[in-house]
PDB file of N, CA and C in Angstrom:
ATOM      1  N   UNK A   1       1.048  -1.504  -0.547  1.00  0.00           N
ATOM      2  CA  UNK A   1      -0.080  -0.435  -0.311  1.00  0.00           C
ATOM      3  C   UNK A   1       0.571   1.305   0.247  1.00  0.00           C
ATOM      4  N   UNK A   2       0.742   1.952  -0.377  1.00  0.00           N
ATOM      5  CA  UNK A   2       1.350   3.273  -0.571  1.00  0.00           C
ATOM      6  C   UNK A   2       0.958   4.388   0.410  1.00  0.00           C
ATOM      7  N   UNK A   3       1.750   4.844  -0.075  1.00  0.00           N
ATOM      8  CA  UNK A   3       1.868   5.875   1.427  1.00  0.00           C
ATOM      9  C   UNK A   3       0.576   6.836   1.497  1.00  0.00           C
ATOM     10  N   UNK A   4       0.610   7.657   0.268  1.00  0.00           N
ATOM     11  CA  UNK A   4      -0.848   8.387   0.011  1.00  0.00           C
ATOM     12  C   UNK A   4      -2.417   7.347   0.820  1.00  0.00           C
ATOM     13  N   UNK A   5      -1.868   5.879   0.473  1.00  0.00           N
ATOM     14  CA  UNK A   5      -3.174   5.089   0.349  1.00  0.00           C
ATOM     15  C   UNK A   5      -2.891   4.869   1.874  1.00  0.00           C
ATOM     16  N   UNK A   6      -2.644   4.842   2.873  1.00  0.00           N
ATOM     17  CA  UNK A   6      -1.515   4.705   4.295  1.00  0.00           C
ATOM     18  C   UNK A   6      -3.173   6.452   4.458  1.00  0.00           C
ATOM     19  N   UNK A   7      -2.798   6.874   4.304  1.00  0.00           N
ATOM     20  CA  UNK A   7      -2.757   8.298   4.289  1.00  0.00           C
ATOM     21  C   UNK A   7      -4.422   8.677   4.980  1.00  0.00           C
ATOM     22  N   UNK A   8      -4.542   8.162   3.375  1.00  0.00           N
ATOM     23  CA  UNK A   8      -5.671   8.131   3.669  1.00  0.00           C
ATOM     24  C   UNK A   8      -7.090   7.187   4.749  1.00  0.00           C
ATOM     25  N   UNK A   9      -6.457   6.794   4.155  1.00  0.00           N
ATOM     26  CA  UNK A   9      -7.412   5.388   5.386  1.00  0.00           C
ATOM     27  C   UNK A   9      -7.056   6.244   7.053  1.00  0.00           C
ATOM     28  N   UNK A  10      -5.701   5.890   7.372  1.00  0.00           N
ATOM     29  CA  UNK A  10      -5.464   6.724   8.461  1.00  0.00           C
ATOM     30  C   UNK A  10      -6.543   8.479   8.769  1.00  0.00           C
ATOM     31  N   UNK A  11      -5.897   8.601   7.938  1.00  0.00           N
ATOM     32  CA  UNK A  11      -7.178  10.563   8.392  1.00  0.00           C
ATOM     33  C   UNK A  11      -9.170   9.806   7.830  1.00  0.00           C
ATOM     34  N   UNK A  12      -9.416   8.633   7.283  1.00  0.00           N
ATOM     35  CA  UNK A  12     -10.433   8.014   7.634  1.00  0.00           C
ATOM     36  C   UNK A  12     -11.241   7.442   8.607  1.00  0.00           C
ATOM     37  N   UNK A  13     -10.142   6.653   9.400  1.00  0.00           N
ATOM     38  CA  UNK A  13     -10.492   5.919  10.821  1.00  0.00           C
ATOM     39  C   UNK A  13     -10.538   7.465  11.424  1.00  0.00           C
ATOM     40  N   UNK A  14      -9.003   8.598  11.647  1.00  0.00           N
ATOM     41  CA  UNK A  14      -9.685   9.346  12.866  1.00  0.00           C
ATOM     42  C   UNK A  14     -10.821   9.597  12.271  1.00  0.00           C
ATOM     43  N   UNK A  15     -11.263   9.949  11.229  1.00  0.00           N
ATOM     44  CA  UNK A  15     -12.516  10.558  11.151  1.00  0.00           C
ATOM     45  C   UNK A  15     -13.899   9.586  11.914  1.00  0.00           C
ATOM     46  N   UNK A  16     -13.727   8.587  11.777  1.00  0.00           N
ATOM     47  CA  UNK A  16     -15.067   8.425  12.039  1.00  0.00           C
ATOM     48  C   UNK A  16     -14.917   8.475  13.784  1.00  0.00           C
ATOM     49  N   UNK A  17     -14.160   8.375  13.762  1.00  0.00           N
ATOM     50  CA  UNK A  17     -13.716   8.199  15.671  1.00  0.00           C
ATOM     51  C   UNK A  17     -13.976   9.171  16.249  1.00  0.00           C
ATOM     52  N   UNK A  18     -13.872  10.514  15.401  1.00  0.00           N
ATOM     53  CA  UNK A  18     -14.655  12.063  16.305  1.00  0.00           C
ATOM     54  C   UNK A  18     -15.317  12.061  16.398  1.00  0.00           C
ATOM     55  N   UNK A  19     -16.406  11.417  14.657  1.00  0.00           N
ATOM     56  CA  UNK A  19     -17.647  11.581  14.433  1.00  0.00           C
ATOM     57  C   UNK A  19     -18.610  10.324  16.024  1.00  0.00           C
ATOM     58  N   UNK A  20     -17.984   9.380  16.326  1.00  0.00           N
ATOM     59  CA  UNK A  20     -18.343   8.912  17.888  1.00  0.00           C
ATOM     60  C   UNK A  20     -18.713   9.275  18.650  1.00  0.00           C
ATOM     61  N   UNK A  21     -16.774  10.100  18.686  1.00  0.00           N
ATOM     62  CA  UNK A  21     -17.370  10.756  19.518  1.00  0.00           C
ATOM     63  C   UNK A  21     -18.516  11.926  19.931  1.00  0.00           C
ATOM     64  N   UNK A  22     -18.312  11.983  19.129  1.00  0.00           N
ATOM     65  CA  UNK A  22     -19.428  13.107  19.457  1.00  0.00           C
ATOM     66  C   UNK A  22     -20.446  12.945  19.978  1.00  0.00           C
ATOM     67  N   UNK A  23     -20.719  11.281  19.395  1.00  0.00           N
ATOM     68  CA  UNK A  23     -21.681  10.503  19.598  1.00  0.00           C
ATOM     69  C   UNK A  23     -22.196  10.001  21.307  1.00  0.00           C
ATOM     70  N   UNK A  24     -20.703   9.792  21.487  1.00  0.00           N
ATOM     71  CA  UNK A  24     -20.800   9.354  22.599  1.00  0.00           C
ATOM     72  C   UNK A  24     -21.094  10.380  23.525  1.00  0.00           C
ATOM     73  N   UNK A  25     -21.411  11.727  23.043  1.00  0.00           N
ATOM     74  CA  UNK A  25     -20.935  12.791  24.771  1.00  0.00           C
ATOM     75  C   UNK A  25     -22.696  12.771  24.394  1.00  0.00           C
ATOM     76  N   UNK A  26     -23.264  12.230  23.122  1.00  0.00           N
ATOM     77  CA  UNK A  26     -24.512  12.989  23.949  1.00  0.00           C
ATOM     78  C   UNK A  26     -25.322  11.813  24.408  1.00  0.00           C
ATOM     79  N   UNK A  27     -24.508  10.184  24.197  1.00  0.00           N
ATOM     80  CA  UNK A  27     -25.017   9.153  25.323  1.00  0.00           C
ATOM     81  C   UNK A  27     -24.499   9.088  26.415  1.00  0.00           C
ATOM     82  N   UNK A  28     -24.030   9.678  26.283  1.00  0.00           N
ATOM     83  CA  UNK A  28     -24.445  10.289  28.560  1.00  0.00           C
ATOM     84  C   UNK A  28     -24.514   9.084  28.802  1.00  0.00           C
ATOM     85  N   UNK A  29     -24.209   8.134  29.592  1.00  0.00           N
ATOM     86  CA  UNK A  29     -25.130   7.083  30.276  1.00  0.00           C
ATOM     87  C   UNK A  29     -25.183   7.808  31.481  1.00  0.00           C
ATOM     88  N   UNK A  30     -23.887   8.243  32.347  1.00  0.00           N
ATOM     89  CA  UNK A  30     -23.550   8.822  33.084  1.00  0.00           C
ATOM     90  C   UNK A  30     -24.159  10.010  34.191  1.00  0.00           C
ATOM     91  N   UNK A  31     -24.771  10.962  32.731  1.00  0.00           N
ATOM     92  CA  UNK A  31     -25.201  12.337  32.664  1.00  0.00           C
ATOM     93  C   UNK A  31     -24.847  13.662  33.556  1.00  0.00           C
ATOM     94  N   UNK A  32     -23.302  13.399  33.456  1.00  0.00           N
ATOM     95  CA  UNK A  32     -22.199  14.491  34.056  1.00  0.00           C
ATOM     96  C   UNK A  32     -21.555  15.004  32.746  1.00  0.00           C
ATOM     97  N   UNK A  33     -23.124  15.372  31.203  1.00  0.00           N
ATOM     98  CA  UNK A  33     -22.830  16.480  30.081  1.00  0.00           C
ATOM     99  C   UNK A  33     -21.252  16.743  30.437  1.00  0.00           C
ATOM    100  N   UNK A  34     -20.827  15.339  29.735  1.00  0.00           N
ATOM    101  CA  UNK A  34     -19.000  16.142  29.522  1.00  0.00           C
ATOM    102  C   UNK A  34     -18.690  17.340  28.709  1.00  0.00           C
ATOM    103  N   UNK A  35     -17.591  18.136  28.957  1.00  0.00           N
ATOM    104  CA  UNK A  35     -18.264  19.575  28.538  1.00  0.00           C
ATOM    105  C   UNK A  35     -18.657  20.610  29.251  1.00  0.00           C
ATOM    106  N   UNK A  36     -19.659  20.347  29.877  1.00  0.00           N
ATOM    107  CA  UNK A  36     -19.830  20.844  30.689  1.00  0.00           C
ATOM    108  C   UNK A  36     -19.102  20.867  32.550  1.00  0.00           C
ATOM    109  N   UNK A  37     -20.003  20.023  32.771  1.00  0.00           N
ATOM    110  CA  UNK A  37     -19.566  20.030  34.089  1.00  0.00           C
ATOM    111  C   UNK A  37     -18.767  18.168  34.229  1.00  0.00           C
ATOM    112  N   UNK A  38     -18.042  18.309  32.992  1.00  0.00           N
ATOM    113  CA  UNK A  38     -17.278  16.701  32.892  1.00  0.00           C
ATOM    114  C   UNK A  38     -15.763  16.834  31.823  1.00  0.00           C
ATOM    115  N   UNK A  39     -15.144  16.875  31.850  1.00  0.00           N
ATOM    116  CA  UNK A  39     -13.910  17.047  30.376  1.00  0.00           C
ATOM    117  C   UNK A  39     -14.485  16.777  29.361  1.00  0.00           C
ATOM    118  N   UNK A  40     -14.429  17.277  28.500  1.00  0.00           N
ATOM    119  CA  UNK A  40     -14.989  16.478  27.227  1.00  0.00           C
ATOM    120  C   UNK A  40     -15.029  15.767  27.141  1.00  0.00           C
ATOM    121  N   UNK A  41     -13.320  15.163  27.121  1.00  0.00           N
ATOM    122  CA  UNK A  41     -13.508  13.354  26.511  1.00  0.00           C
ATOM    123  C   UNK A  41     -13.943  12.606  27.553  1.00  0.00           C
ATOM    124  N   UNK A  42     -14.878  12.610  28.004  1.00  0.00           N
ATOM    125  CA  UNK A  42     -15.039  11.272  28.821  1.00  0.00           C
ATOM    126  C   UNK A  42     -15.093  10.699  28.878  1.00  0.00           C
ATOM    127  N   UNK A  43     -16.093  10.169  27.431  1.00  0.00           N
ATOM    128  CA  UNK A  43     -15.778   8.485  26.654  1.00  0.00           C
ATOM    129  C   UNK A  43     -15.573   8.316  25.762  1.00  0.00           C
ATOM    130  N   UNK A  44     -14.469   9.501  25.747  1.00  0.00           N
ATOM    131  CA  UNK A  44     -13.254   9.681  24.175  1.00  0.00           C
ATOM    132  C   UNK A  44     -12.551   8.151  24.160  1.00  0.00           C
ATOM    133  N   UNK A  45     -12.453   7.932  25.254  1.00  0.00           N
ATOM    134  CA  UNK A  45     -11.078   6.540  24.602  1.00  0.00           C
ATOM    135  C   UNK A  45     -12.284   4.914  24.854  1.00  0.00           C
ATOM    136  N   UNK A  46     -13.529   5.881  24.597  1.00  0.00           N
ATOM    137  CA  UNK A  46     -14.057   4.235  24.364  1.00  0.00           C
ATOM    138  C   UNK A  46     -14.154   4.662  22.032  1.00  0.00           C
ATOM    139  N   UNK A  47     -14.375   5.140  21.867  1.00  0.00           N
ATOM    140  CA  UNK A  47     -14.004   5.687  20.961  1.00  0.00           C
ATOM    141  C   UNK A  47     -13.778   4.756  19.464  1.00  0.00           C
ATOM    142  N   UNK A  48     -12.025   4.489  19.577  1.00  0.00           N
ATOM    143  CA  UNK A  48     -11.623   3.953  18.410  1.00  0.00           C
ATOM    144  C   UNK A  48     -12.078   2.459  18.960  1.00  0.00           C
ATOM    145  N   UNK A  49     -12.240   1.516  19.359  1.00  0.00           N
ATOM    146  CA  UNK A  49     -13.038   0.282  20.087  1.00  0.00           C
ATOM    147  C   UNK A  49     -14.335   0.418  18.808  1.00  0.00           C
ATOM    148  N   UNK A  50     -15.280   1.226  19.051  1.00  0.00           N
ATOM    149  CA  UNK A  50     -16.402   1.244  18.564  1.00  0.00           C
ATOM    150  C   UNK A  50     -16.455   1.474  17.519  1.00  0.00           C
ATOM    151  N   UNK A  51     -15.057   2.586  17.202  1.00  0.00           N
ATOM    152  CA  UNK A  51     -15.201   2.687  15.182  1.00  0.00           C
ATOM    153  C   UNK A  51     -14.548   1.598  14.991  1.00  0.00           C
ATOM    154  N   UNK A  52     -14.340   0.722  15.164  1.00  0.00           N
ATOM    155  CA  UNK A  52     -13.319  -0.344  14.580  1.00  0.00           C
ATOM    156  C   UNK A  52     -14.231  -1.759  14.428  1.00  0.00           C
ATOM    157  N   UNK A  53     -15.041  -1.694  15.911  1.00  0.00           N
ATOM    158  CA  UNK A  53     -16.185  -2.840  15.545  1.00  0.00           C
ATOM    159  C   UNK A  53     -17.492  -2.068  14.263  1.00  0.00           C
ATOM    160  N   UNK A  54     -17.827  -1.319  14.116  1.00  0.00           N
ATOM    161  CA  UNK A  54     -18.370  -1.278  12.352  1.00  0.00           C
ATOM    162  C   UNK A  54     -18.322  -1.207  11.566  1.00  0.00           C
ATOM    163  N   UNK A  55     -16.168  -0.903  11.870  1.00  0.00           N
ATOM    164  CA  UNK A  55     -15.691  -1.099  10.613  1.00  0.00           C
ATOM    165  C   UNK A  55     -15.846  -2.843   9.970  1.00  0.00           C
ATOM    166  N   UNK A  56     -16.110  -4.142  10.895  1.00  0.00           N
ATOM    167  CA  UNK A  56     -14.921  -4.981  10.691  1.00  0.00           C
ATOM    168  C   UNK A  56     -17.451  -5.577  10.912  1.00  0.00           C
ATOM    169  N   UNK A  57     -17.838  -4.359  10.126  1.00  0.00           N
ATOM    170  CA  UNK A  57     -19.247  -4.765  10.113  1.00  0.00           C
ATOM    171  C   UNK A  57     -20.940  -5.808  11.572  1.00  0.00           C
ATOM    172  N   UNK A  58     -20.029  -5.071  13.066  1.00  0.00           N
ATOM    173  CA  UNK A  58     -21.385  -4.993  13.901  1.00  0.00           C
ATOM    174  C   UNK A  58     -22.994  -5.545  13.777  1.00  0.00           C
ATOM    175  N   UNK A  59     -23.030  -6.228  13.848  1.00  0.00           N
ATOM    176  CA  UNK A  59     -25.244  -5.552  14.280  1.00  0.00           C
ATOM    177  C   UNK A  59     -25.329  -4.418  15.304  1.00  0.00           C
ATOM    178  N   UNK A  60     -26.308  -3.926  14.526  1.00  0.00           N
ATOM    179  CA  UNK A  60     -26.522  -2.798  15.433  1.00  0.00           C
ATOM    180  C   UNK A  60     -26.950  -2.930  17.358  1.00  0.00           C
ATOM    181  N   UNK A  61     -27.633  -4.514  17.125  1.00  0.00           N
ATOM    182  CA  UNK A  61     -27.964  -5.409  18.284  1.00  0.00           C
ATOM    183  C   UNK A  61     -26.313  -5.112  19.013  1.00  0.00           C
ATOM    184  N   UNK A  62     -25.212  -6.038  18.340  1.00  0.00           N
ATOM    185  CA  UNK A  62     -23.704  -6.306  19.299  1.00  0.00           C
ATOM    186  C   UNK A  62     -23.101  -4.944  19.114  1.00  0.00           C
ATOM    187  N   UNK A  63     -23.685  -4.307  18.614  1.00  0.00           N
ATOM    188  CA  UNK A  63     -23.202  -2.383  19.513  1.00  0.00           C
ATOM    189  C   UNK A  63     -23.566  -2.066  20.461  1.00  0.00           C
ATOM    190  N   UNK A  64     -24.900  -2.146  20.266  1.00  0.00           N
ATOM    191  CA  UNK A  64     -26.245  -1.268  21.714  1.00  0.00           C
ATOM    192  C   UNK A  64     -25.741  -2.527  23.039  1.00  0.00           C
ATOM    193  N   UNK A  65     -25.043  -4.212  23.009  1.00  0.00           N
ATOM    194  CA  UNK A  65     -25.040  -4.616  23.955  1.00  0.00           C
ATOM    195  C   UNK A  65     -23.028  -3.943  24.497  1.00  0.00           C
ATOM    196  N   UNK A  66     -22.495  -4.169  23.522  1.00  0.00           N
ATOM    197  CA  UNK A  66     -21.391  -3.502  23.744  1.00  0.00           C
ATOM    198  C   UNK A  66     -21.686  -2.026  25.079  1.00  0.00           C
ATOM    199  N   UNK A  67     -22.218  -1.352  24.218  1.00  0.00           N
ATOM    200  CA  UNK A  67     -22.576   0.045  24.843  1.00  0.00           C
ATOM    201  C   UNK A  67     -23.481  -0.054  26.413  1.00  0.00           C
ATOM    202  N   UNK A  68     -24.471  -1.264  26.546  1.00  0.00           N
ATOM    203  CA  UNK A  68     -24.655  -1.067  27.991  1.00  0.00           C
ATOM    204  C   UNK A  68     -24.316  -1.713  28.866  1.00  0.00           C
ATOM    205  N   UNK A  69     -22.799  -2.447  27.966  1.00  0.00           N
ATOM    206  CA  UNK A  69     -21.845  -3.886  29.088  1.00  0.00           C
ATOM    207  C   UNK A  69     -21.266  -2.421  28.836  1.00  0.00           C
ATOM    208  N   UNK A  70     -20.603  -1.042  28.203  1.00  0.00           N
ATOM    209  CA  UNK A  70     -19.575   0.080  29.053  1.00  0.00           C
ATOM    210  C   UNK A  70     -20.529   0.837  29.872  1.00  0.00           C
ATOM    211  N   UNK A  71     -21.781   0.606  30.182  1.00  0.00           N
ATOM    212  CA  UNK A  71     -22.579   1.827  31.257  1.00  0.00           C
ATOM    213  C   UNK A  71     -23.166   1.181  32.645  1.00  0.00           C
ATOM    214  N   UNK A  72     -23.334  -0.374  32.076  1.00  0.00           N
ATOM    215  CA  UNK A  72     -23.472  -1.657  33.466  1.00  0.00           C
ATOM    216  C   UNK A  72     -21.715  -1.809  33.925  1.00  0.00           C
ATOM    217  N   UNK A  73     -21.162  -2.468  33.374  1.00  0.00           N
ATOM    218  CA  UNK A  73     -20.116  -2.922  33.736  1.00  0.00           C
ATOM    219  C   UNK A  73     -18.805  -2.045  34.295  1.00  0.00           C
ATOM    220  N   UNK A  74     -18.596  -1.686  32.125  1.00  0.00           N
ATOM    221  CA  UNK A  74     -17.152  -0.730  32.600  1.00  0.00           C
ATOM    222  C   UNK A  74     -17.299   0.470  33.430  1.00  0.00           C
ATOM    223  N   UNK A  75     -18.378   1.321  33.559  1.00  0.00           N
ATOM    224  CA  UNK A  75     -18.860   2.507  34.474  1.00  0.00           C
ATOM    225  C   UNK A  75     -19.643   1.993  36.045  1.00  0.00           C
ATOM    226  N   UNK A  76     -19.705   1.051  35.504  1.00  0.00           N
ATOM    227  CA  UNK A  76     -20.642   0.225  36.824  1.00  0.00           C
ATOM    228  C   UNK A  76     -21.436   1.537  37.303  1.00  0.00           C
ATOM    229  N   UNK A  77     -23.182   1.522  36.368  1.00  0.00           N
ATOM    230  CA  UNK A  77     -23.778   2.002  36.276  1.00  0.00           C
ATOM    231  C   UNK A  77     -25.518   1.554  37.541  1.00  0.00           C
ATOM    232  N   UNK A  78     -24.996   0.277  37.384  1.00  0.00           N
ATOM    233  CA  UNK A  78     -26.124  -0.875  38.109  1.00  0.00           C
ATOM    234  C   UNK A  78     -26.126  -1.966  37.182  1.00  0.00           C
ATOM    235  N   UNK A  79     -27.403  -2.359  37.364  1.00  0.00           N
ATOM    236  CA  UNK A  79     -28.227  -3.133  36.633  1.00  0.00           C
ATOM    237  C   UNK A  79     -28.649  -3.069  35.309  1.00  0.00           C
ATOM    238  N   UNK A  80     -28.112  -3.555  34.042  1.00  0.00           N
ATOM    239  CA  UNK A  80     -28.454  -3.060  32.840  1.00  0.00           C
ATOM    240  C   UNK A  80     -30.410  -3.040  33.537  1.00  0.00           C
ATOM    241  N   UNK A  81     -31.455  -2.606  32.527  1.00  0.00           N
ATOM    242  CA  UNK A  81     -32.971  -2.596  32.217  1.00  0.00           C
ATOM    243  C   UNK A  81     -33.833  -1.789  31.080  1.00  0.00           C
ATOM    244  N   UNK A  82     -34.447  -1.978  30.784  1.00  0.00           N
ATOM    245  CA  UNK A  82     -35.721  -1.755  29.914  1.00  0.00           C
ATOM    246  C   UNK A  82     -35.131  -0.593  29.212  1.00  0.00           C
ATOM    247  N   UNK A  83     -34.952   0.760  30.124  1.00  0.00           N
ATOM    248  CA  UNK A  83     -35.041   1.984  29.834  1.00  0.00           C
ATOM    249  C   UNK A  83     -32.979   2.181  29.375  1.00  0.00           C
ATOM    250  N   UNK A  84     -32.828   1.968  30.322  1.00  0.00           N
ATOM    251  CA  UNK A  84     -30.940   2.410  29.898  1.00  0.00           C
ATOM    252  C   UNK A  84     -30.500   1.208  28.687  1.00  0.00           C
ATOM    253  N   UNK A  85     -32.128  -0.545  28.022  1.00  0.00           N
ATOM    254  CA  UNK A  85     -30.836  -0.729  27.245  1.00  0.00           C
ATOM    255  C   UNK A  85     -31.171  -0.193  25.598  1.00  0.00           C
ATOM    256  N   UNK A  86     -32.556   0.625  25.636  1.00  0.00           N
ATOM    257  CA  UNK A  86     -33.213   0.905  24.494  1.00  0.00           C
ATOM    258  C   UNK A  86     -32.277   2.560  24.544  1.00  0.00           C
ATOM    259  N   UNK A  87     -31.828   3.063  25.551  1.00  0.00           N
ATOM    260  CA  UNK A  87     -30.989   3.892  25.318  1.00  0.00           C
ATOM    261  C   UNK A  87     -29.783   4.086  24.368  1.00  0.00           C
ATOM    262  N   UNK A  88     -29.119   2.343  25.349  1.00  0.00           N
ATOM    263  CA  UNK A  88     -28.031   1.950  24.075  1.00  0.00           C
ATOM    264  C   UNK A  88     -28.435   1.454  22.760  1.00  0.00           C
ATOM    265  N   UNK A  89     -29.547   1.195  22.614  1.00  0.00           N
ATOM    266  CA  UNK A  89     -30.394   0.871  21.186  1.00  0.00           C
ATOM    267  C   UNK A  89     -29.719   1.906  20.442  1.00  0.00           C
ATOM    268  N   UNK A  90     -30.797   3.300  20.427  1.00  0.00           N
ATOM    269  CA  UNK A  90     -30.728   4.717  19.984  1.00  0.00           C
ATOM    270  C   UNK A  90     -29.416   5.202  19.461  1.00  0.00           C
ATOM    271  N   UNK A  91     -28.949   5.269  20.908  1.00  0.00           N
ATOM    272  CA  UNK A  91     -27.136   5.318  20.307  1.00  0.00           C
ATOM    273  C   UNK A  91     -26.897   4.592  18.747  1.00  0.00           C
ATOM    274  N   UNK A  92     -26.426   3.666  19.840  1.00  0.00           N
ATOM    275  CA  UNK A  92     -26.558   2.401  18.465  1.00  0.00           C
ATOM    276  C   UNK A  92     -26.463   2.572  17.403  1.00  0.00           C
ATOM    277  N   UNK A  93     -27.259   3.079  16.500  1.00  0.00           N
ATOM    278  CA  UNK A  93     -28.038   2.780  15.930  1.00  0.00           C
ATOM    279  C   UNK A  93     -27.796   4.796  15.316  1.00  0.00           C
ATOM    280  N   UNK A  94     -27.491   5.562  15.999  1.00  0.00           N
ATOM    281  CA  UNK A  94     -26.856   6.546  15.604  1.00  0.00           C
ATOM    282  C   UNK A  94     -25.452   6.270  14.773  1.00  0.00           C
ATOM    283  N   UNK A  95     -24.593   5.767  16.345  1.00  0.00           N
ATOM    284  CA  UNK A  95     -23.393   6.149  14.531  1.00  0.00           C
ATOM    285  C   UNK A  95     -23.137   4.800  13.931  1.00  0.00           C
ATOM    286  N   UNK A  96     -23.885   4.040  13.899  1.00  0.00           N
ATOM    287  CA  UNK A  96     -24.129   2.913  12.292  1.00  0.00           C
ATOM    288  C   UNK A  96     -24.308   4.051  11.160  1.00  0.00           C
ATOM    289  N   UNK A  97     -25.534   4.882  11.813  1.00  0.00           N
ATOM    290  CA  UNK A  97     -26.063   5.629  10.913  1.00  0.00           C
ATOM    291  C   UNK A  97     -24.963   7.160  10.350  1.00  0.00           C
ATOM    292  N   UNK A  98     -24.375   7.288  10.594  1.00  0.00           N
ATOM    293  CA  UNK A  98     -23.448   8.028  10.834  1.00  0.00           C
ATOM    294  C   UNK A  98     -21.860   8.072  10.602  1.00  0.00           C
ATOM    295  N   UNK A  99     -21.948   6.064  10.102  1.00  0.00           N
ATOM    296  CA  UNK A  99     -20.535   5.423   9.858  1.00  0.00           C
ATOM    297  C   UNK A  99     -21.396   4.912   8.449  1.00  0.00           C
ATOM    298  N   UNK A 100     -21.464   4.447   8.175  1.00  0.00           N
ATOM    299  CA  UNK A 100     -22.154   3.863   7.550  1.00  0.00           C
ATOM    300  C   UNK A 100     -22.550   4.461   6.459  1.00  0.00           C
ATOM    301  N   UNK A 101     -22.909   4.559   4.566  1.00  0.00           N
ATOM    302  CA  UNK A 101     -23.844   5.009   3.864  1.00  0.00           C
ATOM    303  C   UNK A 101     -24.687   3.930   3.985  1.00  0.00           C
ATOM    304  N   UNK A 102     -25.415   4.927   4.038  1.00  0.00           N
ATOM    305  CA  UNK A 102     -27.100   3.910   3.302  1.00  0.00           C
ATOM    306  C   UNK A 102     -26.673   3.081   2.687  1.00  0.00           C
ATOM    307  N   UNK A 103     -26.856   3.198   1.394  1.00  0.00           N
ATOM    308  CA  UNK A 103     -26.464   1.862   0.836  1.00  0.00           C
ATOM    309  C   UNK A 103     -25.196   0.720   0.737  1.00  0.00           C
ATOM    310  N   UNK A 104     -25.179   0.981   2.641  1.00  0.00           N
ATOM    311  CA  UNK A 104     -24.491  -0.314   2.555  1.00  0.00           C
ATOM    312  C   UNK A 104     -23.209  -0.111   2.387  1.00  0.00           C
ATOM    313  N   UNK A 105     -21.924   1.032   1.879  1.00  0.00           N
ATOM    314  CA  UNK A 105     -20.768   0.889   1.635  1.00  0.00           C
ATOM    315  C   UNK A 105     -20.836   0.799   0.183  1.00  0.00           C
ATOM    316  N   UNK A 106     -21.717   1.109  -1.159  1.00  0.00           N
ATOM    317  CA  UNK A 106     -21.634   0.348  -2.177  1.00  0.00           C
ATOM    318  C   UNK A 106     -21.710   1.300  -3.249  1.00  0.00           C
ATOM    319  N   UNK A 107     -21.026   1.640  -4.242  1.00  0.00           N
ATOM    320  CA  UNK A 107     -21.044   2.873  -4.898  1.00  0.00           C
ATOM    321  C   UNK A 107     -22.880   2.740  -5.451  1.00  0.00           C
ATOM    322  N   UNK A 108     -22.996   3.796  -6.111  1.00  0.00           N
ATOM    323  CA  UNK A 108     -24.869   3.265  -6.755  1.00  0.00           C
ATOM    324  C   UNK A 108     -24.405   2.495  -7.666  1.00  0.00           C
ATOM    325  N   UNK A 109     -22.613   2.871  -8.684  1.00  0.00           N
ATOM    326  CA  UNK A 109     -23.246   1.783 -10.282  1.00  0.00           C
ATOM    327  C   UNK A 109     -22.422   0.398  -9.229  1.00  0.00           C
ATOM    328  N   UNK A 110     -21.675   0.623  -8.142  1.00  0.00           N
ATOM    329  CA  UNK A 110     -21.229  -0.693  -8.061  1.00  0.00           C
ATOM    330  C   UNK A 110     -22.141  -1.354  -7.661  1.00  0.00           C
ATOM    331  N   UNK A 111     -23.320  -0.679  -7.168  1.00  0.00           N
ATOM    332  CA  UNK A 111     -25.096  -2.060  -6.833  1.00  0.00           C
ATOM    333  C   UNK A 111     -24.843  -2.642  -7.811  1.00  0.00           C
ATOM    334  N   UNK A 112     -25.393  -2.131  -9.102  1.00  0.00           N
ATOM    335  CA  UNK A 112     -25.742  -2.532 -10.246  1.00  0.00           C
ATOM    336  C   UNK A 112     -25.375  -3.717 -10.739  1.00  0.00           C
ATOM    337  N   UNK A 113     -26.528  -4.651 -11.507  1.00  0.00           N
ATOM    338  CA  UNK A 113     -26.231  -5.975 -11.711  1.00  0.00           C
ATOM    339  C   UNK A 113     -25.521  -5.679 -12.982  1.00  0.00           C
ATOM    340  N   UNK A 114     -24.444  -6.840 -12.589  1.00  0.00           N
ATOM    341  CA  UNK A 114     -23.605  -6.994 -14.224  1.00  0.00           C
ATOM    342  C   UNK A 114     -23.776  -7.731 -14.895  1.00  0.00           C
ATOM    343  N   UNK A 115     -23.084  -7.234 -16.240  1.00  0.00           N
ATOM    344  CA  UNK A 115     -23.534  -8.408 -16.973  1.00  0.00           C
ATOM    345  C   UNK A 115     -22.535  -9.317 -18.118  1.00  0.00           C
ATOM    346  N   UNK A 116     -22.806 -10.426 -18.457  1.00  0.00           N
ATOM    347  CA  UNK A 116     -22.054 -11.348 -19.079  1.00  0.00           C
ATOM    348  C   UNK A 116     -21.165 -10.558 -20.364  1.00  0.00           C
ATOM    349  N   UNK A 117     -20.193 -10.367 -20.496  1.00  0.00           N
ATOM    350  CA  UNK A 117     -20.125  -9.367 -22.703  1.00  0.00           C
ATOM    351  C   UNK A 117     -19.997 -11.645 -22.675  1.00  0.00           C
TER     352      UNK A 117
END
């Protein structure tokens, strides 16, 4: 892989991580309002792994379960419940929508059926 190609991949990965960081600030399961009542980077350490999960084609359910685990186990916020699971699913959906193109990553013409000559 050429140096410019590696740089493009790195830039794309950084962009994805920044998008996830922004969404995690809204997710805010602790309720500390990152940037207002807590450091703006309160949840940033979780973003690279989440971006990697999305790049590896995780499902929304898998991502929601990961967010739920972060809240209940990693942050120690107590047992999972219907409300926390719905909150995790809402933000897992937002993350996937932000990082995955609507057509599944295919260019429009690449999605068209090809004919054999």
